[in-house]
C-alpha cells in the first residue's frame, strides 16, 4: 500500500507553527528585557521624623442651636427630630432649622387639660359648698343671738317674780350666753377650715394651670430657628453618627445642630498608643485636605488627650489629638477629611535617601551604588515613612538604585 504525499495545506500549517515558535522565543528572550532602573541621589539637610494620621475638620468655636428650653421641667427626657434642613445650608438669623416631634408633649398637654377641667370643677364645687356651709353657720349664730336677747328680757322682767323664777330665768340666760359664745368659736373654726380647704383646691388648680402654660410655652420651641447667621452643621452623637431626620435629642444636652465659626478651624485626629508618646503640644503639622489635594496648610498641635479610647470594632487604643489650622480658607468645611503630618522632631545636617534604596542580607544593610556598580554597605539611623538617615558608607550626591538592577547578584560587596 502506498503512502500519500503531504499536500499544500500540510506545509502551510507547518510554516505557521514554526513562525509562532520563533516569535515566542524572540519575545521572551529580547522583547521583555528590563528597562532602565530608577535611581536616587543621597541628600544632605534637615531630616524630619513624622507621625502621619487622618483627621476631620471641625470649627474651634461654634454656637449650639438649642431645642426648647424647659423640656426637663415638663418631664420630657428626649425628643425625635421630625425634620431638619440639609447639613451645610447657609442660614440667616431667625431662619427655620428643624421641627421636633410633638407627639409626647401634645399627649402630655391633653392630659393636663383634662386634669385642669376636673380641678376647676372641684374648685367651683368646693367654693359653693363653702359658701352654703358658712351661710348656715351665720344663720345659726344670728338665731342664737336673738335667743340670748330674749333670755335677757326674761331676766329683766322677772324682778317682780318669786326668787325661784328669777333664778330659773338667769340660768336660761347663762345657757344662751354659753351657746352663743360656743357658736362664735365654732363659726371661726369652720371659717378657717373652709378657707384652708379652698386654698388647697385652688393651689392644685393653679399648679395645673401653670404646668399647662409651661407646656404651651415649651411647645412653641418645637419649631427651631437659627440664633444667628452661619452654616448649619449636624450635631454628632458619641458614636460619631450625625443627628439628622429621625435622630433622638436628649433633653440633658438639648442641642439640635451647631453653627460653627469657620474662621478658626481644627483638625481632630487620633494617634495610636505606640506613637502617642512622640506627640507634644506645640509641634508643627503639615495639613492636607482630601477634597482639595493641591492645597496645603500649616498647623500646630494644641491638645493631646491623657486617656486613651477604645476604637470601635478593634482592640486598639487611640488618643485624641487636636490640631489648629493656621490659615483661613473659605473652601474649608467641617467634617472634611485631612491628612496630618505631625513633625515630632527634626535632625539637622544629616545624609538621607529613600528607604526603598536600602536592602539587607545577613544583617548587613547595603545599597546598589551606581558609581563602581557595587553593593555598598552602609550604616543607617532613624527613618520616617519615606526616608532613612545614612550615618556611614555614602556621601552627598552619591547615586543609588531604588531596586536591584540587572545582574546585581554579581556585584561585589564594598564593606565599611
Foldseek 3Di string as FASTA:
>chain_A
DDDDDDDPVVVVVVVVVVVVVVVVVCCVPPVPDDDDFDKDFKAWWKDFAWDKFKWFKDFPDWAFQFFFPCCVVLPHFKWAWAAADDAFDWAFAFAFGTFIDCVVLVVSLVVLVVVLVVLVVVLVVLVVVLVVVLVVLVVVLVVLVVQLVVLVVLLVVCPVPDPVSNVVSVVSNVVSVVVNVVSVVVSVVSNVVSVVVSVVSVVVSVVSVVSSVSSVSRNVRSGTGHNGTAGWHFDADPVRDGRGHGRMDGPVVRGGTIGHDQQKMKIKTKAFPVCLVLDDWFFKKWKAFPVCRVDIFIKTWHDWDPDWDADPPDRTTIIITMIITPGHDPVDDGGTMMIIITRSDMDTTFIKDWPLQWDDDPNWIFGQWPVVRATWTFDWDDDHPTMTTTDDGDDGGTMTGSDQDPPSVPHYYDYD
